[in-house]
């Protein structure tokens, strides 16, 4: 299977480059925590990033809700640009 057909089958889901909402993790592969403990790429705390795989779905949903409400992480800036 080629990467092109794979991408079309998945609709780009789980893409770090896109940072789409279908992804389990908010990570977009831009990990930086300058001046505080919040990743500027995804909006999660260092604790949330390092323990994400151990979180229950309820905990993940809570983090997603918070970072969406805040909306300052790079992942949301990218989505806004792609929507225009």
PDB file of N, CA and C in Angstrom:
ATOM      1  N   UNK A   1       0.849  -1.184   0.000  1.00  0.00           N
ATOM      2  CA  UNK A   1       0.000   0.000   0.000  1.00  0.00           C
ATOM      3  C   UNK A   1       0.884   1.232   0.000  1.00  0.00           C
ATOM      4  N   UNK A   2       0.553   2.180  -0.809  1.00  0.00           N
ATOM      5  CA  UNK A   2       1.337   3.410  -0.864  1.00  0.00           C
ATOM      6  C   UNK A   2       0.877   4.370   0.214  1.00  0.00           C
ATOM      7  N   UNK A   3       1.733   5.313   0.541  1.00  0.00           N
ATOM      8  CA  UNK A   3       1.377   6.293   1.564  1.00  0.00           C
ATOM      9  C   UNK A   3       0.211   7.168   1.117  1.00  0.00           C
ATOM     10  N   UNK A   4       0.080   7.382  -0.193  1.00  0.00           N
ATOM     11  CA  UNK A   4      -1.016   8.189  -0.702  1.00  0.00           C
ATOM     12  C   UNK A   4      -2.348   7.494  -0.475  1.00  0.00           C
ATOM     13  N   UNK A   5      -2.427   6.195  -0.788  1.00  0.00           N
ATOM     14  CA  UNK A   5      -3.683   5.484  -0.577  1.00  0.00           C
ATOM     15  C   UNK A   5      -3.973   5.345   0.905  1.00  0.00           C
ATOM     16  N   UNK A   6      -2.952   5.150   1.713  1.00  0.00           N
ATOM     17  CA  UNK A   6      -3.136   5.051   3.150  1.00  0.00           C
ATOM     18  C   UNK A   6      -3.683   6.352   3.707  1.00  0.00           C
ATOM     19  N   UNK A   7      -3.168   7.461   3.236  1.00  0.00           N
ATOM     20  CA  UNK A   7      -3.620   8.766   3.704  1.00  0.00           C
ATOM     21  C   UNK A   7      -5.083   8.998   3.330  1.00  0.00           C
ATOM     22  N   UNK A   8      -5.454   8.634   2.115  1.00  0.00           N
ATOM     23  CA  UNK A   8      -6.832   8.847   1.699  1.00  0.00           C
ATOM     24  C   UNK A   8      -7.785   7.940   2.461  1.00  0.00           C
ATOM     25  N   UNK A   9      -7.356   6.726   2.780  1.00  0.00           N
ATOM     26  CA  UNK A   9      -8.197   5.817   3.542  1.00  0.00           C
ATOM     27  C   UNK A   9      -8.427   6.340   4.954  1.00  0.00           C
ATOM     28  N   UNK A  10      -7.426   6.956   5.540  1.00  0.00           N
ATOM     29  CA  UNK A  10      -7.536   7.449   6.897  1.00  0.00           C
ATOM     30  C   UNK A  10      -8.023   8.892   6.935  1.00  0.00           C
ATOM     31  N   UNK A  11      -8.096   9.534   5.814  1.00  0.00           N
ATOM     32  CA  UNK A  11      -8.537  10.914   5.771  1.00  0.00           C
ATOM     33  C   UNK A  11      -7.580  11.855   6.473  1.00  0.00           C
ATOM     34  N   UNK A  12      -6.307  11.447   6.610  1.00  0.00           N
ATOM     35  CA  UNK A  12      -5.329  12.296   7.276  1.00  0.00           C
ATOM     36  C   UNK A  12      -5.400  12.226   8.787  1.00  0.00           C
ATOM     37  N   UNK A  13      -6.238  11.372   9.345  1.00  0.00           N
ATOM     38  CA  UNK A  13      -6.395  11.271  10.795  1.00  0.00           C
ATOM     39  C   UNK A  13      -5.082  10.903  11.465  1.00  0.00           C
ATOM     40  N   UNK A  14      -4.912  11.388  12.647  1.00  0.00           N
ATOM     41  CA  UNK A  14      -3.750  11.109  13.475  1.00  0.00           C
ATOM     42  C   UNK A  14      -2.459  11.678  12.914  1.00  0.00           C
ATOM     43  N   UNK A  15      -2.561  12.698  12.137  1.00  0.00           N
ATOM     44  CA  UNK A  15      -1.387  13.299  11.535  1.00  0.00           C
ATOM     45  C   UNK A  15      -0.787  14.349  12.450  1.00  0.00           C
ATOM     46  N   UNK A  16       0.475  14.181  12.787  1.00  0.00           N
ATOM     47  CA  UNK A  16       1.156  15.183  13.603  1.00  0.00           C
ATOM     48  C   UNK A  16       1.261  16.502  12.857  1.00  0.00           C
ATOM     49  N   UNK A  17       1.473  16.417  11.548  1.00  0.00           N
ATOM     50  CA  UNK A  17       1.634  17.638  10.764  1.00  0.00           C
ATOM     51  C   UNK A  17       0.349  18.455  10.727  1.00  0.00           C
ATOM     52  N   UNK A  18      -0.772  17.786  10.701  1.00  0.00           N
ATOM     53  CA  UNK A  18      -2.056  18.467  10.623  1.00  0.00           C
ATOM     54  C   UNK A  18      -2.578  18.811  12.009  1.00  0.00           C
ATOM     55  N   UNK A  19      -2.368  17.909  12.972  1.00  0.00           N
ATOM     56  CA  UNK A  19      -2.891  18.151  14.305  1.00  0.00           C
ATOM     57  C   UNK A  19      -4.402  18.089  14.324  1.00  0.00           C
ATOM     58  N   UNK A  20      -4.971  17.086  13.646  1.00  0.00           N
ATOM     59  CA  UNK A  20      -6.422  17.009  13.525  1.00  0.00           C
ATOM     60  C   UNK A  20      -7.083  16.502  14.803  1.00  0.00           C
ATOM     61  N   UNK A  21      -8.381  16.690  14.886  1.00  0.00           N
ATOM     62  CA  UNK A  21      -9.136  16.302  16.068  1.00  0.00           C
ATOM     63  C   UNK A  21      -9.388  14.802  16.154  1.00  0.00           C
ATOM     64  N   UNK A  22      -9.145  14.042  15.088  1.00  0.00           N
ATOM     65  CA  UNK A  22      -9.363  12.607  15.118  1.00  0.00           C
ATOM     66  C   UNK A  22      -8.251  11.887  15.879  1.00  0.00           C
ATOM     67  N   UNK A  23      -7.187  12.563  16.142  1.00  0.00           N
ATOM     68  CA  UNK A  23      -6.051  11.976  16.831  1.00  0.00           C
ATOM     69  C   UNK A  23      -6.358  11.741  18.300  1.00  0.00           C
ATOM     70  N   UNK A  24      -5.844  10.648  18.842  1.00  0.00           N
ATOM     71  CA  UNK A  24      -6.005  10.370  20.271  1.00  0.00           C
ATOM     72  C   UNK A  24      -5.246  11.394  21.102  1.00  0.00           C
ATOM     73  N   UNK A  25      -4.070  11.763  20.641  1.00  0.00           N
ATOM     74  CA  UNK A  25      -3.209  12.683  21.373  1.00  0.00           C
ATOM     75  C   UNK A  25      -3.211  14.065  20.739  1.00  0.00           C
ATOM     76  N   UNK A  26      -3.166  15.106  21.548  1.00  0.00           N
ATOM     77  CA  UNK A  26      -3.088  16.465  21.006  1.00  0.00           C
ATOM     78  C   UNK A  26      -1.728  16.808  20.409  1.00  0.00           C
ATOM     79  N   UNK A  27      -0.755  15.935  20.537  1.00  0.00           N
ATOM     80  CA  UNK A  27       0.605  16.208  20.081  1.00  0.00           C
ATOM     81  C   UNK A  27       0.649  16.497  18.584  1.00  0.00           C
ATOM     82  N   UNK A  28       1.419  17.533  18.222  1.00  0.00           N
ATOM     83  CA  UNK A  28       1.649  17.854  16.805  1.00  0.00           C
ATOM     84  C   UNK A  28       3.137  17.771  16.482  1.00  0.00           C
ATOM     85  N   UNK A  29       3.921  17.239  17.410  1.00  0.00           N
ATOM     86  CA  UNK A  29       5.350  17.075  17.176  1.00  0.00           C
ATOM     87  C   UNK A  29       6.153  18.348  17.330  1.00  0.00           C
ATOM     88  N   UNK A  30       5.583  19.354  17.947  1.00  0.00           N
ATOM     89  CA  UNK A  30       6.277  20.608  18.226  1.00  0.00           C
ATOM     90  C   UNK A  30       6.302  20.739  19.742  1.00  0.00           C
ATOM     91  N   UNK A  31       7.303  20.144  20.350  1.00  0.00           N
ATOM     92  CA  UNK A  31       7.351  20.064  21.807  1.00  0.00           C
ATOM     93  C   UNK A  31       8.269  21.146  22.376  1.00  0.00           C
ATOM     94  N   UNK A  32       7.672  22.124  23.026  1.00  0.00           N
ATOM     95  CA  UNK A  32       8.456  23.183  23.634  1.00  0.00           C
ATOM     96  C   UNK A  32       7.736  23.700  24.872  1.00  0.00           C
ATOM     97  N   UNK A  33       8.490  23.898  25.923  1.00  0.00           N
ATOM     98  CA  UNK A  33       7.915  24.379  27.181  1.00  0.00           C
ATOM     99  C   UNK A  33       8.720  25.553  27.715  1.00  0.00           C
ATOM    100  N   UNK A  34       8.946  26.531  26.883  1.00  0.00           N
ATOM    101  CA  UNK A  34       9.697  27.708  27.302  1.00  0.00           C
ATOM    102  C   UNK A  34       8.946  28.469  28.390  1.00  0.00           C
ATOM    103  N   UNK A  35       9.633  28.795  29.460  1.00  0.00           N
ATOM    104  CA  UNK A  35       9.147  29.673  30.521  1.00  0.00           C
ATOM    105  C   UNK A  35       8.076  29.092  31.435  1.00  0.00           C
ATOM    106  N   UNK A  36       7.484  27.966  31.114  1.00  0.00           N
ATOM    107  CA  UNK A  36       6.499  27.362  32.007  1.00  0.00           C
ATOM    108  C   UNK A  36       6.431  25.866  31.750  1.00  0.00           C
ATOM    109  N   UNK A  37       5.451  25.188  32.322  1.00  0.00           N
ATOM    110  CA  UNK A  37       5.330  23.747  32.153  1.00  0.00           C
ATOM    111  C   UNK A  37       4.218  23.367  31.186  1.00  0.00           C
ATOM    112  N   UNK A  38       3.875  24.271  30.281  1.00  0.00           N
ATOM    113  CA  UNK A  38       2.837  24.005  29.281  1.00  0.00           C
ATOM    114  C   UNK A  38       3.484  23.902  27.908  1.00  0.00           C
ATOM    115  N   UNK A  39       3.215  22.803  27.219  1.00  0.00           N
ATOM    116  CA  UNK A  39       3.749  22.639  25.862  1.00  0.00           C
ATOM    117  C   UNK A  39       3.060  23.629  24.934  1.00  0.00           C
ATOM    118  N   UNK A  40       3.848  24.405  24.220  1.00  0.00           N
ATOM    119  CA  UNK A  40       3.293  25.400  23.303  1.00  0.00           C
ATOM    120  C   UNK A  40       2.710  24.754  22.048  1.00  0.00           C
ATOM    121  N   UNK A  41       3.114  23.524  21.759  1.00  0.00           N
ATOM    122  CA  UNK A  41       2.590  22.818  20.590  1.00  0.00           C
ATOM    123  C   UNK A  41       1.189  22.284  20.807  1.00  0.00           C
ATOM    124  N   UNK A  42       0.974  21.617  21.961  1.00  0.00           N
ATOM    125  CA  UNK A  42      -0.323  20.965  22.191  1.00  0.00           C
ATOM    126  C   UNK A  42      -1.133  21.566  23.333  1.00  0.00           C
ATOM    127  N   UNK A  43      -0.504  22.307  24.220  1.00  0.00           N
ATOM    128  CA  UNK A  43      -1.232  22.928  25.321  1.00  0.00           C
ATOM    129  C   UNK A  43      -1.320  22.097  26.585  1.00  0.00           C
ATOM    130  N   UNK A  44      -0.693  20.916  26.584  1.00  0.00           N
ATOM    131  CA  UNK A  44      -0.737  20.067  27.775  1.00  0.00           C
ATOM    132  C   UNK A  44       0.395  20.402  28.741  1.00  0.00           C
ATOM    133  N   UNK A  45       0.204  20.024  30.001  1.00  0.00           N
ATOM    134  CA  UNK A  45       1.265  20.173  30.992  1.00  0.00           C
ATOM    135  C   UNK A  45       2.293  19.068  30.777  1.00  0.00           C
ATOM    136  N   UNK A  46       3.473  19.247  31.359  1.00  0.00           N
ATOM    137  CA  UNK A  46       4.507  18.208  31.263  1.00  0.00           C
ATOM    138  C   UNK A  46       3.995  16.887  31.815  1.00  0.00           C
ATOM    139  N   UNK A  47       3.255  16.927  32.921  1.00  0.00           N
ATOM    140  CA  UNK A  47       2.687  15.717  33.511  1.00  0.00           C
ATOM    141  C   UNK A  47       1.715  15.038  32.549  1.00  0.00           C
ATOM    142  N   UNK A  48       0.886  15.821  31.897  1.00  0.00           N
ATOM    143  CA  UNK A  48      -0.084  15.264  30.951  1.00  0.00           C
ATOM    144  C   UNK A  48       0.615  14.641  29.750  1.00  0.00           C
ATOM    145  N   UNK A  49       1.647  15.282  29.261  1.00  0.00           N
ATOM    146  CA  UNK A  49       2.400  14.743  28.120  1.00  0.00           C
ATOM    147  C   UNK A  49       3.055  13.417  28.497  1.00  0.00           C
ATOM    148  N   UNK A  50       3.750  13.403  29.628  1.00  0.00           N
ATOM    149  CA  UNK A  50       4.514  12.209  30.000  1.00  0.00           C
ATOM    150  C   UNK A  50       3.634  11.048  30.456  1.00  0.00           C
ATOM    151  N   UNK A  51       2.426  11.316  30.906  1.00  0.00           N
ATOM    152  CA  UNK A  51       1.557  10.241  31.396  1.00  0.00           C
ATOM    153  C   UNK A  51       0.362   9.960  30.498  1.00  0.00           C
ATOM    154  N   UNK A  52       0.307  10.576  29.321  1.00  0.00           N
ATOM    155  CA  UNK A  52      -0.839  10.463  28.421  1.00  0.00           C
ATOM    156  C   UNK A  52      -1.250   9.019  28.168  1.00  0.00           C
ATOM    157  N   UNK A  53      -0.287   8.148  27.924  1.00  0.00           N
ATOM    158  CA  UNK A  53      -0.611   6.754  27.595  1.00  0.00           C
ATOM    159  C   UNK A  53      -1.255   6.005  28.761  1.00  0.00           C
ATOM    160  N   UNK A  54      -1.114   6.543  29.961  1.00  0.00           N
ATOM    161  CA  UNK A  54      -1.687   5.904  31.133  1.00  0.00           C
ATOM    162  C   UNK A  54      -3.038   6.495  31.528  1.00  0.00           C
ATOM    163  N   UNK A  55      -3.439   7.589  30.900  1.00  0.00           N
ATOM    164  CA  UNK A  55      -4.692   8.259  31.236  1.00  0.00           C
ATOM    165  C   UNK A  55      -5.895   7.444  30.767  1.00  0.00           C
ATOM    166  N   UNK A  56      -6.966   7.510  31.544  1.00  0.00           N
ATOM    167  CA  UNK A  56      -8.233   6.919  31.116  1.00  0.00           C
ATOM    168  C   UNK A  56      -8.822   7.805  30.024  1.00  0.00           C
ATOM    169  N   UNK A  57      -9.819   7.307  29.318  1.00  0.00           N
ATOM    170  CA  UNK A  57     -10.453   8.116  28.279  1.00  0.00           C
ATOM    171  C   UNK A  57     -11.099   9.356  28.899  1.00  0.00           C
ATOM    172  N   UNK A  58     -11.637   9.223  30.095  1.00  0.00           N
ATOM    173  CA  UNK A  58     -12.250  10.370  30.786  1.00  0.00           C
ATOM    174  C   UNK A  58     -11.206  11.453  31.082  1.00  0.00           C
ATOM    175  N   UNK A  59     -10.019  11.042  31.514  1.00  0.00           N
ATOM    176  CA  UNK A  59      -8.939  12.004  31.778  1.00  0.00           C
ATOM    177  C   UNK A  59      -8.493  12.683  30.490  1.00  0.00           C
ATOM    178  N   UNK A  60      -8.356  11.906  29.416  1.00  0.00           N
ATOM    179  CA  UNK A  60      -7.969  12.479  28.128  1.00  0.00           C
ATOM    180  C   UNK A  60      -9.015  13.473  27.640  1.00  0.00           C
ATOM    181  N   UNK A  61     -10.286  13.108  27.771  1.00  0.00           N
ATOM    182  CA  UNK A  61     -11.363  13.999  27.347  1.00  0.00           C
ATOM    183  C   UNK A  61     -11.330  15.313  28.122  1.00  0.00           C
ATOM    184  N   UNK A  62     -11.007  15.231  29.395  1.00  0.00           N
ATOM    185  CA  UNK A  62     -10.924  16.422  30.238  1.00  0.00           C
ATOM    186  C   UNK A  62      -9.796  17.353  29.769  1.00  0.00           C
ATOM    187  N   UNK A  63      -8.660  16.759  29.428  1.00  0.00           N
ATOM    188  CA  UNK A  63      -7.526  17.551  28.928  1.00  0.00           C
ATOM    189  C   UNK A  63      -7.894  18.177  27.589  1.00  0.00           C
ATOM    190  N   UNK A  64      -8.472  17.393  26.679  1.00  0.00           N
ATOM    191  CA  UNK A  64      -8.891  17.913  25.373  1.00  0.00           C
ATOM    192  C   UNK A  64      -9.839  19.092  25.562  1.00  0.00           C
ATOM    193  N   UNK A  65     -10.797  18.965  26.482  1.00  0.00           N
ATOM    194  CA  UNK A  65     -11.764  20.037  26.727  1.00  0.00           C
ATOM    195  C   UNK A  65     -11.049  21.310  27.178  1.00  0.00           C
ATOM    196  N   UNK A  66     -10.095  21.171  28.099  1.00  0.00           N
ATOM    197  CA  UNK A  66      -9.371  22.323  28.614  1.00  0.00           C
ATOM    198  C   UNK A  66      -8.529  23.006  27.543  1.00  0.00           C
ATOM    199  N   UNK A  67      -7.777  22.219  26.759  1.00  0.00           N
ATOM    200  CA  UNK A  67      -6.889  22.836  25.775  1.00  0.00           C
ATOM    201  C   UNK A  67      -7.678  23.435  24.615  1.00  0.00           C
ATOM    202  N   UNK A  68      -8.835  22.846  24.294  1.00  0.00           N
ATOM    203  CA  UNK A  68      -9.693  23.455  23.258  1.00  0.00           C
ATOM    204  C   UNK A  68     -10.264  24.779  23.742  1.00  0.00           C
ATOM    205  N   UNK A  69     -10.701  24.807  25.004  1.00  0.00           N
ATOM    206  CA  UNK A  69     -11.264  26.043  25.570  1.00  0.00           C
ATOM    207  C   UNK A  69     -10.209  27.140  25.611  1.00  0.00           C
ATOM    208  N   UNK A  70      -8.977  26.760  25.940  1.00  0.00           N
ATOM    209  CA  UNK A  70      -7.880  27.738  25.978  1.00  0.00           C
ATOM    210  C   UNK A  70      -7.540  28.193  24.557  1.00  0.00           C
ATOM    211  N   UNK A  71      -7.367  27.234  23.644  1.00  0.00           N
ATOM    212  CA  UNK A  71      -7.168  27.526  22.228  1.00  0.00           C
ATOM    213  C   UNK A  71      -5.889  28.237  21.833  1.00  0.00           C
ATOM    214  N   UNK A  72      -4.912  28.329  22.735  1.00  0.00           N
ATOM    215  CA  UNK A  72      -3.694  29.073  22.410  1.00  0.00           C
ATOM    216  C   UNK A  72      -2.562  28.206  21.872  1.00  0.00           C
ATOM    217  N   UNK A  73      -2.668  26.906  21.994  1.00  0.00           N
ATOM    218  CA  UNK A  73      -1.601  26.014  21.535  1.00  0.00           C
ATOM    219  C   UNK A  73      -1.463  26.086  20.011  1.00  0.00           C
ATOM    220  N   UNK A  74      -0.265  25.804  19.511  1.00  0.00           N
ATOM    221  CA  UNK A  74       0.005  25.841  18.073  1.00  0.00           C
ATOM    222  C   UNK A  74      -0.938  24.950  17.285  1.00  0.00           C
ATOM    223  N   UNK A  75      -1.365  23.827  17.862  1.00  0.00           N
ATOM    224  CA  UNK A  75      -2.258  22.905  17.141  1.00  0.00           C
ATOM    225  C   UNK A  75      -3.529  23.619  16.722  1.00  0.00           C
ATOM    226  N   UNK A  76      -4.032  24.537  17.537  1.00  0.00           N
ATOM    227  CA  UNK A  76      -5.262  25.252  17.218  1.00  0.00           C
ATOM    228  C   UNK A  76      -5.007  26.392  16.239  1.00  0.00           C
ATOM    229  N   UNK A  77      -3.815  26.969  16.286  1.00  0.00           N
ATOM    230  CA  UNK A  77      -3.441  28.008  15.332  1.00  0.00           C
ATOM    231  C   UNK A  77      -3.382  27.401  13.925  1.00  0.00           C
ATOM    232  N   UNK A  78      -2.810  26.198  13.817  1.00  0.00           N
ATOM    233  CA  UNK A  78      -2.718  25.519  12.530  1.00  0.00           C
ATOM    234  C   UNK A  78      -4.098  25.179  11.987  1.00  0.00           C
ATOM    235  N   UNK A  79      -4.967  24.665  12.859  1.00  0.00           N
ATOM    236  CA  UNK A  79      -6.315  24.298  12.415  1.00  0.00           C
ATOM    237  C   UNK A  79      -7.065  25.521  11.915  1.00  0.00           C
ATOM    238  N   UNK A  80      -6.907  26.637  12.581  1.00  0.00           N
ATOM    239  CA  UNK A  80      -7.581  27.862  12.162  1.00  0.00           C
ATOM    240  C   UNK A  80      -7.099  28.305  10.787  1.00  0.00           C
ATOM    241  N   UNK A  81      -5.785  28.218  10.547  1.00  0.00           N
ATOM    242  CA  UNK A  81      -5.235  28.607   9.248  1.00  0.00           C
ATOM    243  C   UNK A  81      -5.712  27.692   8.142  1.00  0.00           C
ATOM    244  N   UNK A  82      -5.811  26.384   8.426  1.00  0.00           N
ATOM    245  CA  UNK A  82      -6.219  25.418   7.412  1.00  0.00           C
ATOM    246  C   UNK A  82      -7.698  25.541   7.092  1.00  0.00           C
ATOM    247  N   UNK A  83      -8.487  26.057   8.018  1.00  0.00           N
ATOM    248  CA  UNK A  83      -9.921  26.223   7.803  1.00  0.00           C
ATOM    249  C   UNK A  83     -10.227  27.407   6.912  1.00  0.00           C
ATOM    250  N   UNK A  84      -9.293  28.345   6.829  1.00  0.00           N
ATOM    251  CA  UNK A  84      -9.533  29.567   6.021  1.00  0.00           C
ATOM    252  C   UNK A  84      -9.188  29.373   4.577  1.00  0.00           C
TER     253      UNK A  84
END
